[in-house]
C-alpha atoms as a PDB file:
ATOM      1  CA  MET A   1     -21.477  15.288  -9.079  1.00  0.00           C
ATOM      2  CA  THR A   2     -23.030  13.131  -6.343  1.00  0.00           C
ATOM      3  CA  ASN A   3     -23.010  15.138  -3.076  1.00  0.00           C
ATOM      4  CA  LEU A   4     -24.977  12.714  -0.830  1.00  0.00           C
ATOM      5  CA  ALA A   5     -23.820   9.469   0.559  1.00  0.00           C
ATOM      6  CA  ILE A   6     -25.784   7.088   2.573  1.00  0.00           C
ATOM      7  CA  ILE A   7     -23.873   4.643   4.859  1.00  0.00           C
ATOM      8  CA  GLY A   8     -25.907   1.514   5.602  1.00  0.00           C
ATOM      9  CA  GLY A   9     -25.660  -0.279   8.824  1.00  0.00           C
ATOM     10  CA  THR A  10     -27.109  -3.369  10.233  1.00  0.00           C
ATOM     11  CA  GLY A  11     -30.467  -4.046   8.316  1.00  0.00           C
ATOM     12  CA  LEU A  12     -29.479  -1.708   5.413  1.00  0.00           C
ATOM     13  CA  ALA A  13     -26.973  -3.829   3.436  1.00  0.00           C
ATOM     14  CA  ARG A  14     -28.980  -2.953   0.396  1.00  0.00           C
ATOM     15  CA  LEU A  15     -30.885   0.248  -0.261  1.00  0.00           C
ATOM     16  CA  ALA A  16     -34.488  -0.039  -1.482  1.00  0.00           C
ATOM     17  CA  GLY A  17     -35.162   2.069  -4.569  1.00  0.00           C
ATOM     18  CA  PHE A  18     -31.498   2.446  -5.347  1.00  0.00           C
ATOM     19  CA  ASP A  19     -30.296   1.658  -8.885  1.00  0.00           C
ATOM     20  CA  ALA A  20     -26.520   1.246  -9.059  1.00  0.00           C
ATOM     21  CA  ASP A  21     -24.803   2.399 -12.173  1.00  0.00           C
ATOM     22  CA  ARG A  22     -21.307   1.371 -11.219  1.00  0.00           C
ATOM     23  CA  ARG A  23     -19.165   0.118  -8.263  1.00  0.00           C
ATOM     24  CA  GLU A  24     -15.893   1.986  -7.605  1.00  0.00           C
ATOM     25  CA  THR A  25     -13.067   0.079  -5.823  1.00  0.00           C
ATOM     26  CA  VAL A  26     -11.084   2.701  -3.877  1.00  0.00           C
ATOM     27  CA  GLU A  27      -7.740   2.640  -2.026  1.00  0.00           C
ATOM     28  CA  THR A  28      -6.977   5.233   0.404  1.00  0.00           C
ATOM     29  CA  PRO A  29      -3.926   6.119   2.691  1.00  0.00           C
ATOM     30  CA  TRP A  30      -5.813   4.204   5.362  1.00  0.00           C
ATOM     31  CA  GLY A  31      -6.524   1.060   3.221  1.00  0.00           C
ATOM     32  CA  ALA A  32      -9.630  -0.084   1.609  1.00  0.00           C
ATOM     33  CA  PRO A  33     -13.177   0.960   2.652  1.00  0.00           C
ATOM     34  CA  SER A  34     -15.803  -1.663   3.701  1.00  0.00           C
ATOM     35  CA  ALA A  35     -16.907  -2.259   0.252  1.00  0.00           C
ATOM     36  CA  PRO A  36     -16.662  -0.669  -3.247  1.00  0.00           C
ATOM     37  CA  LEU A  37     -18.569   2.658  -3.459  1.00  0.00           C
ATOM     38  CA  ALA A  38     -21.942   2.086  -5.252  1.00  0.00           C
ATOM     39  CA  HIS A  39     -22.685   4.945  -7.575  1.00  0.00           C
ATOM     40  CA  GLY A  40     -26.324   5.240  -8.597  1.00  0.00           C
ATOM     41  CA  ASN A  41     -29.664   6.824  -8.290  1.00  0.00           C
ATOM     42  CA  LEU A  42     -32.238   6.675  -5.516  1.00  0.00           C
ATOM     43  CA  ASN A  43     -35.705   7.425  -6.872  1.00  0.00           C
ATOM     44  CA  GLY A  44     -33.984   9.316  -9.745  1.00  0.00           C
ATOM     45  CA  HIS A  45     -31.662  11.337  -7.592  1.00  0.00           C
ATOM     46  CA  PRO A  46     -27.754  10.716  -7.588  1.00  0.00           C
ATOM     47  CA  VAL A  47     -26.490   8.981  -4.363  1.00  0.00           C
ATOM     48  CA  ILE A  48     -23.359   7.011  -3.382  1.00  0.00           C
ATOM     49  CA  PHE A  49     -24.142   4.058  -0.991  1.00  0.00           C
ATOM     50  CA  LEU A  50     -21.621   2.228   1.230  1.00  0.00           C
ATOM     51  CA  PRO A  51     -22.504  -0.684   3.507  1.00  0.00           C
ATOM     52  CA  ARG A  52     -20.625  -0.049   6.636  1.00  0.00           C
ATOM     53  CA  HIS A  53     -20.211  -3.731   7.522  1.00  0.00           C
ATOM     54  CA  GLY A  54     -19.277  -4.740   4.019  1.00  0.00           C
ATOM     55  CA  ASP A  55     -21.253  -6.403   1.223  1.00  0.00           C
ATOM     56  CA  GLY A  56     -21.874  -9.583   3.090  1.00  0.00           C
ATOM     57  CA  HIS A  57     -22.218  -7.983   6.592  1.00  0.00           C
ATOM     58  CA  THR A  58     -18.997  -9.588   7.769  1.00  0.00           C
ATOM     59  CA  ILE A  59     -17.082  -6.614   9.350  1.00  0.00           C
ATOM     60  CA  PRO A  60     -17.798  -6.237  13.087  1.00  0.00           C
ATOM     61  CA  PRO A  61     -18.130  -2.770  14.463  1.00  0.00           C
ATOM     62  CA  HIS A  62     -14.715  -2.669  15.973  1.00  0.00           C
ATOM     63  CA  ARG A  63     -12.930  -3.752  12.762  1.00  0.00           C
ATOM     64  CA  ILE A  64     -14.670  -1.310  10.488  1.00  0.00           C
ATOM     65  CA  ASN A  65     -12.149   0.895   8.661  1.00  0.00           C
ATOM     66  CA  TYR A  66     -13.903   4.204   9.494  1.00  0.00           C
ATOM     67  CA  ARG A  67     -10.987   6.354   8.112  1.00  0.00           C
ATOM     68  CA  ALA A  68     -11.007   4.696   4.744  1.00  0.00           C
ATOM     69  CA  ASN A  69     -14.875   4.762   4.462  1.00  0.00           C
ATOM     70  CA  LEU A  70     -15.045   8.544   5.069  1.00  0.00           C
ATOM     71  CA  TRP A  71     -12.002   9.425   3.104  1.00  0.00           C
ATOM     72  CA  ALA A  72     -13.208   7.407   0.216  1.00  0.00           C
ATOM     73  CA  LEU A  73     -16.593   9.234   0.229  1.00  0.00           C
ATOM     74  CA  GLN A  74     -14.972  12.585   0.379  1.00  0.00           C
ATOM     75  CA  GLN A  75     -12.659  11.810  -2.522  1.00  0.00           C
ATOM     76  CA  ALA A  76     -15.714  10.851  -4.520  1.00  0.00           C
ATOM     77  CA  GLY A  77     -16.992  14.247  -4.171  1.00  0.00           C
ATOM     78  CA  VAL A  78     -19.562  13.732  -1.453  1.00  0.00           C
ATOM     79  CA  SER A  79     -20.365  16.654   0.913  1.00  0.00           C
ATOM     80  CA  ALA A  80     -23.070  15.254   3.020  1.00  0.00           C
ATOM     81  CA  VAL A  81     -23.312  11.761   4.674  1.00  0.00           C
ATOM     82  CA  VAL A  82     -26.483  10.139   6.241  1.00  0.00           C
ATOM     83  CA  ALA A  83     -25.444   7.314   8.537  1.00  0.00           C
ATOM     84  CA  VAL A  84     -28.162   4.811   9.075  1.00  0.00           C
ATOM     85  CA  ALA A  85     -27.606   2.760  12.262  1.00  0.00           C
ATOM     86  CA  ALA A  86     -29.369  -0.065  14.228  1.00  0.00           C
ATOM     87  CA  VAL A  87     -29.498   0.775  17.921  1.00  0.00           C
ATOM     88  CA  GLY A  88     -30.877  -0.337  21.142  1.00  0.00           C
ATOM     89  CA  GLY A  89     -33.538   1.829  23.003  1.00  0.00           C
ATOM     90  CA  ILE A  90     -32.851   2.880  26.646  1.00  0.00           C
ATOM     91  CA  THR A  91     -35.223   5.546  27.560  1.00  0.00           C
ATOM     92  CA  ARG A  92     -38.886   5.385  27.488  1.00  0.00           C
ATOM     93  CA  THR A  93     -39.676   6.912  24.163  1.00  0.00           C
ATOM     94  CA  MET A  94     -37.006   4.901  22.148  1.00  0.00           C
ATOM     95  CA  GLU A  95     -39.239   1.898  21.526  1.00  0.00           C
ATOM     96  CA  PRO A  96     -38.359  -0.741  18.899  1.00  0.00           C
ATOM     97  CA  ALA A  97     -38.812   0.134  15.199  1.00  0.00           C
ATOM     98  CA  ARG A  98     -38.765   3.753  16.030  1.00  0.00           C
ATOM     99  CA  ILE A  99     -36.690   6.127  13.779  1.00  0.00           C
ATOM    100  CA  VAL A 100     -34.523   8.605  15.806  1.00  0.00           C
ATOM    101  CA  ILE A 101     -32.333  11.542  14.644  1.00  0.00           C
ATOM    102  CA  PRO A 102     -29.934  11.903  17.666  1.00  0.00           C
ATOM    103  CA  ASP A 103     -28.354  15.267  18.328  1.00  0.00           C
ATOM    104  CA  GLN A 104     -25.732  14.315  20.834  1.00  0.00           C
ATOM    105  CA  LEU A 105     -23.415  11.267  21.506  1.00  0.00           C
ATOM    106  CA  ILE A 106     -21.099   9.834  24.206  1.00  0.00           C
ATOM    107  CA  ASP A 107     -18.081   7.585  23.062  1.00  0.00           C
ATOM    108  CA  TYR A 108     -17.391   4.501  25.152  1.00  0.00           C
ATOM    109  CA  SER A 109     -15.532   2.704  22.340  1.00  0.00           C
ATOM    110  CA  TYR A 110     -11.732   2.160  22.615  1.00  0.00           C
ATOM    111  CA  GLY A 111      -8.735   1.021  20.496  1.00  0.00           C
ATOM    112  CA  ARG A 112     -10.275   2.280  17.161  1.00  0.00           C
ATOM    113  CA  SER A 113      -8.295   4.497  14.771  1.00  0.00           C
ATOM    114  CA  HIS A 114     -10.294   7.707  15.564  1.00  0.00           C
ATOM    115  CA  THR A 115      -8.484  10.672  13.817  1.00  0.00           C
ATOM    116  CA  TYR A 116      -6.618  11.655  10.689  1.00  0.00           C
ATOM    117  CA  PHE A 117      -4.535  14.061  12.790  1.00  0.00           C
ATOM    118  CA  GLU A 118      -1.838  11.945  14.414  1.00  0.00           C
ATOM    119  CA  ASP A 119       1.250  11.560  12.308  1.00  0.00           C
ATOM    120  CA  ASP A 120       3.633  13.849  10.467  1.00  0.00           C
ATOM    121  CA  LEU A 121       1.737  16.950  11.523  1.00  0.00           C
ATOM    122  CA  ASP A 122       2.733  20.600  11.163  1.00  0.00           C
ATOM    123  CA  HIS A 123       0.548  21.464  14.152  1.00  0.00           C
ATOM    124  CA  VAL A 124      -1.884  19.861  16.447  1.00  0.00           C
ATOM    125  CA  THR A 125      -5.590  19.939  15.192  1.00  0.00           C
ATOM    126  CA  HIS A 126      -8.593  20.208  17.438  1.00  0.00           C
ATOM    127  CA  ILE A 127     -12.100  20.026  15.931  1.00  0.00           C
ATOM    128  CA  ASP A 128     -15.051  21.667  17.386  1.00  0.00           C
ATOM    129  CA  PHE A 129     -17.565  18.909  18.317  1.00  0.00           C
ATOM    130  CA  THR A 130     -20.167  20.872  20.244  1.00  0.00           C
ATOM    131  CA  GLU A 131     -22.829  19.585  17.772  1.00  0.00           C
ATOM    132  CA  PRO A 132     -21.464  16.210  16.710  1.00  0.00           C
ATOM    133  CA  TYR A 133     -24.363  15.998  13.941  1.00  0.00           C
ATOM    134  CA  THR A 134     -24.739  18.769  11.410  1.00  0.00           C
ATOM    135  CA  ARG A 135     -27.748  20.714  12.313  1.00  0.00           C
ATOM    136  CA  LYS A 136     -29.036  21.536   8.823  1.00  0.00           C
ATOM    137  CA  LEU A 137     -28.782  17.937   7.825  1.00  0.00           C
ATOM    138  CA  ARG A 138     -30.603  16.957  10.837  1.00  0.00           C
ATOM    139  CA  GLU A 139     -33.334  19.277   9.901  1.00  0.00           C
ATOM    140  CA  ARG A 140     -33.512  17.937   6.444  1.00  0.00           C
ATOM    141  CA  LEU A 141     -33.975  14.349   7.703  1.00  0.00           C
ATOM    142  CA  LEU A 142     -36.734  15.483  10.100  1.00  0.00           C
ATOM    143  CA  ALA A 143     -38.506  17.383   7.448  1.00  0.00           C
ATOM    144  CA  ALA A 144     -38.265  14.323   5.121  1.00  0.00           C
ATOM    145  CA  GLY A 145     -39.912  12.309   7.920  1.00  0.00           C
ATOM    146  CA  ARG A 146     -42.753  14.670   8.162  1.00  0.00           C
ATOM    147  CA  ASP A 147     -43.207  14.748   4.453  1.00  0.00           C
ATOM    148  CA  ALA A 148     -43.414  10.914   4.489  1.00  0.00           C
ATOM    149  CA  TRP A 149     -45.935  11.015   7.319  1.00  0.00           C
ATOM    150  CA  LEU A 150     -43.611   9.188   9.686  1.00  0.00           C
ATOM    151  CA  THR A 151     -43.076   9.471  13.391  1.00  0.00           C
ATOM    152  CA  VAL A 152     -39.608  10.503  13.712  1.00  0.00           C
ATOM    153  CA  LEU A 153     -38.035  11.364  17.111  1.00  0.00           C
ATOM    154  CA  ASP A 154     -36.086  14.724  17.034  1.00  0.00           C
ATOM    155  CA  GLY A 155     -32.975  14.404  19.427  1.00  0.00           C
ATOM    156  CA  GLY A 156     -31.404  11.974  21.693  1.00  0.00           C
ATOM    157  CA  VAL A 157     -28.061  10.942  23.101  1.00  0.00           C
ATOM    158  CA  TYR A 158     -26.290   8.091  21.310  1.00  0.00           C
ATOM    159  CA  GLY A 159     -23.974   6.007  23.424  1.00  0.00           C
ATOM    160  CA  CYS A 160     -21.314   4.291  21.312  1.00  0.00           C
ATOM    161  CA  THR A 161     -20.007   0.999  22.845  1.00  0.00           C
ATOM    162  CA  GLN A 162     -17.282  -1.275  21.601  1.00  0.00           C
ATOM    163  CA  GLY A 163     -19.142  -4.268  20.613  1.00  0.00           C
ATOM    164  CA  PRO A 164     -19.506  -6.840  19.011  1.00  0.00           C
ATOM    165  CA  ARG A 165     -21.224  -8.098  22.015  1.00  0.00           C
ATOM    166  CA  LEU A 166     -24.412  -6.567  23.356  1.00  0.00           C
ATOM    167  CA  GLU A 167     -24.307  -4.824  26.754  1.00  0.00           C
ATOM    168  CA  THR A 168     -25.012  -6.078  30.228  1.00  0.00           C
ATOM    169  CA  PRO A 169     -28.050  -4.560  32.070  1.00  0.00           C
ATOM    170  CA  ALA A 170     -25.517  -2.855  34.621  1.00  0.00           C
ATOM    171  CA  GLU A 171     -23.786  -1.203  31.557  1.00  0.00           C
ATOM    172  CA  ILE A 172     -27.084   0.030  30.324  1.00  0.00           C
ATOM    173  CA  ARG A 173     -28.086   1.504  33.704  1.00  0.00           C
ATOM    174  CA  ARG A 174     -24.639   3.178  33.594  1.00  0.00           C
ATOM    175  CA  LEU A 175     -25.321   4.633  30.181  1.00  0.00           C
ATOM    176  CA  GLU A 176     -28.737   5.875  31.238  1.00  0.00           C
ATOM    177  CA  ARG A 177     -27.235   7.550  34.351  1.00  0.00           C
ATOM    178  CA  ASP A 178     -24.936   9.313  31.877  1.00  0.00           C
ATOM    179  CA  GLY A 179     -27.744  10.648  29.923  1.00  0.00           C
ATOM    180  CA  CYS A 180     -27.730   8.130  27.023  1.00  0.00           C
ATOM    181  CA  ASP A 181     -31.139   7.543  25.137  1.00  0.00           C
ATOM    182  CA  LEU A 182     -29.684   5.025  22.634  1.00  0.00           C
ATOM    183  CA  VAL A 183     -26.856   2.602  22.481  1.00  0.00           C
ATOM    184  CA  GLY A 184     -25.078   1.462  19.340  1.00  0.00           C
ATOM    185  CA  MET A 185     -21.626   0.373  18.216  1.00  0.00           C
ATOM    186  CA  THR A 186     -20.799   2.382  15.123  1.00  0.00           C
ATOM    187  CA  GLY A 187     -21.563   6.106  15.925  1.00  0.00           C
ATOM    188  CA  MET A 188     -17.831   6.743  16.680  1.00  0.00           C
ATOM    189  CA  PRO A 189     -15.381   7.564  15.313  1.00  0.00           C
ATOM    190  CA  GLU A 190     -17.449   7.876  12.208  1.00  0.00           C
ATOM    191  CA  ALA A 191     -19.103  11.184  13.285  1.00  0.00           C
ATOM    192  CA  ALA A 192     -15.662  12.774  14.315  1.00  0.00           C
ATOM    193  CA  LEU A 193     -13.845  11.693  11.220  1.00  0.00           C
ATOM    194  CA  ALA A 194     -16.686  13.282   9.047  1.00  0.00           C
ATOM    195  CA  ARG A 195     -16.082  16.559  11.010  1.00  0.00           C
ATOM    196  CA  GLU A 196     -12.420  16.473  10.463  1.00  0.00           C
ATOM    197  CA  LEU A 197     -12.857  16.059   6.649  1.00  0.00           C
ATOM    198  CA  GLY A 198     -15.526  18.994   6.728  1.00  0.00           C
ATOM    199  CA  LEU A 199     -18.470  16.736   5.752  1.00  0.00           C
ATOM    200  CA  ASP A 200     -21.953  17.378   6.820  1.00  0.00           C
ATOM    201  CA  TYR A 201     -23.037  14.246   8.721  1.00  0.00           C
ATOM    202  CA  ALA A 202     -26.197  13.062  10.533  1.00  0.00           C
ATOM    203  CA  CYS A 203     -27.382   9.845  12.054  1.00  0.00           C
ATOM    204  CA  CYS A 204     -30.602   8.062  11.331  1.00  0.00           C
ATOM    205  CA  ALA A 205     -31.051   5.620  14.058  1.00  0.00           C
ATOM    206  CA  VAL A 206     -33.402   2.568  13.920  1.00  0.00           C
ATOM    207  CA  VAL A 207     -34.220   1.185  17.260  1.00  0.00           C
ATOM    208  CA  ALA A 208     -33.758  -2.739  16.902  1.00  0.00           C
ATOM    209  CA  ASN A 209     -34.534  -3.701  20.405  1.00  0.00           C
ATOM    210  CA  TRP A 210     -34.899  -2.613  23.962  1.00  0.00           C
ATOM    211  CA  ALA A 211     -31.506  -2.440  25.597  1.00  0.00           C
ATOM    212  CA  ALA A 212     -30.405  -5.144  28.036  1.00  0.00           C
ATOM    213  CA  GLY A 213     -32.389  -5.158  31.221  1.00  0.00           C
ATOM    214  CA  LYS A 214     -35.168  -3.004  29.780  1.00  0.00           C
ATOM    215  CA  THR A 215     -37.494  -6.136  29.248  1.00  0.00           C
ATOM    216  CA  ALA A 216     -37.590  -9.545  30.757  1.00  0.00           C
ATOM    217  CA  GLY A 217     -35.415 -12.264  29.174  1.00  0.00           C
ATOM    218  CA  GLU A 218     -32.737 -12.278  26.590  1.00  0.00           C
ATOM    219  CA  ILE A 219     -32.338 -10.186  23.455  1.00  0.00           C
ATOM    220  CA  THR A 220     -32.851 -12.309  20.415  1.00  0.00           C
ATOM    221  CA  MET A 221     -31.758 -12.036  16.854  1.00  0.00           C
ATOM    222  CA  ALA A 222     -35.232 -12.825  15.778  1.00  0.00           C
ATOM    223  CA  GLU A 223     -36.633  -9.931  17.689  1.00  0.00           C
ATOM    224  CA  ILE A 224     -34.042  -7.593  16.274  1.00  0.00           C
ATOM    225  CA  GLU A 225     -34.758  -8.677  12.703  1.00  0.00           C
ATOM    226  CA  ALA A 226     -38.393  -8.097  12.984  1.00  0.00           C
ATOM    227  CA  ASN A 227     -37.940  -4.728  14.351  1.00  0.00           C
ATOM    228  CA  LEU A 228     -35.356  -3.829  11.789  1.00  0.00           C
ATOM    229  CA  ASN A 229     -37.641  -4.964   8.965  1.00  0.00           C
ATOM    230  CA  ARG A 230     -40.346  -2.605  10.139  1.00  0.00           C
ATOM    231  CA  GLY A 231     -37.866   0.263  10.946  1.00  0.00           C
ATOM    232  CA  MET A 232     -35.919   0.121   7.770  1.00  0.00           C
ATOM    233  CA  ALA A 233     -39.184   0.137   5.596  1.00  0.00           C
ATOM    234  CA  ASP A 234     -39.754   3.537   7.174  1.00  0.00           C
ATOM    235  CA  VAL A 235     -36.289   4.612   6.536  1.00  0.00           C
ATOM    236  CA  ALA A 236     -36.616   3.870   2.798  1.00  0.00           C
ATOM    237  CA  LYS A 237     -39.605   6.278   2.764  1.00  0.00           C
ATOM    238  CA  LEU A 238     -37.716   8.940   4.750  1.00  0.00           C
ATOM    239  CA  LEU A 239     -34.730   8.708   2.383  1.00  0.00           C
ATOM    240  CA  GLU A 240     -36.996   8.914  -0.698  1.00  0.00           C
ATOM    241  CA  HIS A 241     -38.286  12.212   0.509  1.00  0.00           C
ATOM    242  CA  LEU A 242     -34.950  13.297   1.617  1.00  0.00           C
ATOM    243  CA  VAL A 243     -33.417  13.071  -1.930  1.00  0.00           C
ATOM    244  CA  LYS A 244     -36.413  14.655  -3.419  1.00  0.00           C
ATOM    245  CA  ALA A 245     -35.797  17.692  -1.347  1.00  0.00           C
END
């Protein structure tokens, strides 16, 4: 049984070294996930891969069916999820192309279906979210980074905004005052839904650009793509060592 899933974000629509055996179309009580689940092997080890934004990268962050994605993975037998995400860097050490394994998050998103526990309940359910990312899985990612001789930052606060637009410099200053080191658009409700389902979950963030106002001029897609190409090459090395372990 495959117990590890990798959710690919912007820059990781396809997983280097992954050989897909079959694609499974899944229907859930919450509709269809972003794409069929790709069952296969990553460097000889069983993995399920799911592109968060769909096969053609057509689903914006606020329209992702997070509930269907996590539910489908759990029903497929997954117990651990590594979520790869492209983010903006806010604080000094979060420079472009850097890999970061955040340990905390703040949710600024709105209007998203964010829980499984809302209808036809026998009782109200509250999950503990003191550590939004599973400690042991974070430690495995950090160890894999060391094994791959990569510089991977341990810890950071991920601020999840609504998107799909990028933020204003004033919004980034607010996030920094709140304690955010990174800004992204897909970190929630994904992390909380994984916790509701009892899945181990950790984020592998790749800094695609300095956040708005941190450098002069506009943020360009050419800049983002160049940094993601560098960062995702390192992510591929990290994941290769993760599955070996």
